[in-house]
Amino acid sequence: MGVVVNGTWWLTQGDTRIGELRQYAIDQPTFLCHFIPGPGWEGVRALFESWAALHGPDPDGSRTAQAIRPIMDLGLTLVAEDEGRPMALFRECIVRIDGDTARVRC
């Protein structure tokens, strides 16, 4: 995916904008972004906060799976402003939001 530093993505659920991610750096293979909540953020915030709160070992991945399954079920997409083609979360990219920062991996 050809994304330039300082690019912008929109995290969406159908026609609802969850938030805007403004890239400020790259830490290969992750894009580091500022996160600006959108109108749909309050409806999903607790799910992302639960995932962000996971720390420590998770040898079998069960804690992580339990945290991300509800997010996967939302059918969220990520749309780059310069490409416009929606990418399905957890199939084509991963977005992890923690407060006002986000990490995108495609």
Protein backbone atom coordinates (compact mmCIF):
# COMPACT_ATOMS: atom_id res chain seq x y z
CA MET A 1 0.00 0.00 0.00
CA GLY A 2 1.62 3.27 -1.08
CA VAL A 3 1.07 5.60 1.87
CA VAL A 4 3.08 8.75 2.40
CA VAL A 5 4.11 10.04 5.81
CA ASN A 6 1.50 12.54 6.97
CA GLY A 7 -1.23 10.59 5.16
CA THR A 8 -4.73 10.37 6.58
CA TRP A 9 -7.07 7.40 7.04
CA TRP A 10 -10.69 7.24 8.12
CA LEU A 11 -11.88 4.39 10.30
CA THR A 12 -15.49 3.68 9.38
CA GLN A 13 -18.39 1.37 10.10
CA GLY A 14 -20.63 1.54 7.07
CA ASP A 15 -21.40 5.22 6.56
CA THR A 16 -20.41 6.14 10.13
CA ARG A 17 -16.99 7.68 10.68
CA ILE A 18 -15.43 6.21 13.83
CA GLY A 19 -12.37 8.43 13.66
CA GLU A 20 -9.56 9.98 11.69
CA LEU A 21 -5.98 8.73 11.82
CA ARG A 22 -3.29 11.24 10.81
CA GLN A 23 0.06 9.62 10.22
CA TYR A 24 3.10 11.34 11.72
CA ALA A 25 5.81 8.65 11.54
CA ILE A 26 6.65 5.11 10.52
CA ASP A 27 8.07 2.44 12.83
CA GLN A 28 8.32 -0.41 10.30
CA PRO A 29 6.03 -2.18 9.73
CA THR A 30 3.68 0.14 11.65
CA PHE A 31 2.36 3.58 10.78
CA LEU A 32 2.10 5.84 13.84
CA CYS A 33 -0.91 8.15 13.87
CA HIS A 34 -2.70 10.79 15.87
CA PHE A 35 -6.29 9.67 16.48
CA ILE A 36 -9.17 12.14 16.27
CA PRO A 37 -12.51 10.64 17.37
CA GLY A 38 -15.46 10.87 15.00
CA PRO A 39 -19.22 10.65 15.55
CA GLY A 40 -19.16 6.84 15.90
CA TRP A 41 -16.31 6.65 18.42
CA GLU A 42 -18.38 6.51 21.61
CA GLY A 43 -20.12 3.35 20.39
CA VAL A 44 -16.84 1.42 20.02
CA ARG A 45 -14.49 3.18 22.43
CA ALA A 46 -14.84 0.64 25.27
CA LEU A 47 -13.86 -2.21 22.93
CA PHE A 48 -10.66 -0.47 21.80
CA GLU A 49 -9.86 0.53 25.38
CA SER A 50 -10.16 -3.11 26.51
CA TRP A 51 -7.71 -4.16 23.83
CA ALA A 52 -5.31 -1.31 24.68
CA ALA A 53 -5.41 -2.32 28.36
CA LEU A 54 -3.97 -5.79 27.63
CA HIS A 55 -0.42 -6.07 28.93
CA GLY A 56 1.86 -8.89 29.87
CA PRO A 57 2.27 -12.40 28.50
CA ASP A 58 -0.49 -14.04 26.48
CA PRO A 59 1.19 -17.30 25.45
CA ASP A 60 -1.80 -18.89 23.75
CA GLY A 61 -3.29 -15.61 22.48
CA SER A 62 -6.60 -16.22 24.24
CA ARG A 63 -6.68 -12.87 26.07
CA THR A 64 -5.94 -11.02 22.84
CA ALA A 65 -8.54 -13.04 20.93
CA GLN A 66 -11.14 -12.27 23.59
CA ALA A 67 -10.38 -8.53 23.31
CA ILE A 68 -10.34 -8.27 19.52
CA ARG A 69 -13.25 -10.58 18.63
CA PRO A 70 -15.92 -7.93 19.42
CA ILE A 71 -13.97 -5.39 17.34
CA MET A 72 -13.71 -7.85 14.44
CA ASP A 73 -17.48 -8.39 14.61
CA LEU A 74 -18.11 -4.66 13.98
CA GLY A 75 -17.10 -4.91 10.30
CA LEU A 76 -14.89 -1.81 10.44
CA THR A 77 -12.96 -0.56 7.44
CA LEU A 78 -10.01 1.75 6.98
CA VAL A 79 -10.00 4.13 4.03
CA ALA A 80 -6.86 6.00 2.95
CA GLU A 81 -7.63 9.50 1.70
CA ASP A 82 -5.42 9.04 -1.36
CA GLU A 83 -6.66 5.59 -2.39
CA GLY A 84 -10.27 5.52 -1.32
CA ARG A 85 -10.50 1.70 -1.36
CA PRO A 86 -11.79 0.41 1.98
CA MET A 87 -9.62 -2.18 3.72
CA ALA A 88 -11.28 -4.62 6.12
CA LEU A 89 -9.89 -4.51 9.65
CA PHE A 90 -8.11 -7.70 10.71
CA ARG A 91 -8.14 -9.06 7.13
CA GLU A 92 -6.18 -6.37 5.29
CA CYS A 93 -4.96 -4.18 8.13
CA ILE A 94 -4.88 -3.83 11.89
CA VAL A 95 -5.65 -0.63 13.77
CA ARG A 96 -4.87 -0.37 17.46
CA ILE A 97 -6.08 2.78 19.22
CA ASP A 98 -4.84 3.88 22.61
CA GLY A 99 -6.08 7.29 23.71
CA ASP A 100 -5.15 9.89 21.12
CA THR A 101 -2.67 7.66 19.27
CA ALA A 102 -3.16 4.82 16.84
CA ARG A 103 -0.96 2.24 15.16
CA VAL A 104 -1.82 0.96 11.68
CA ARG A 105 -0.30 -2.15 10.15
CA CYS A 106 -1.21 -3.12 6.59
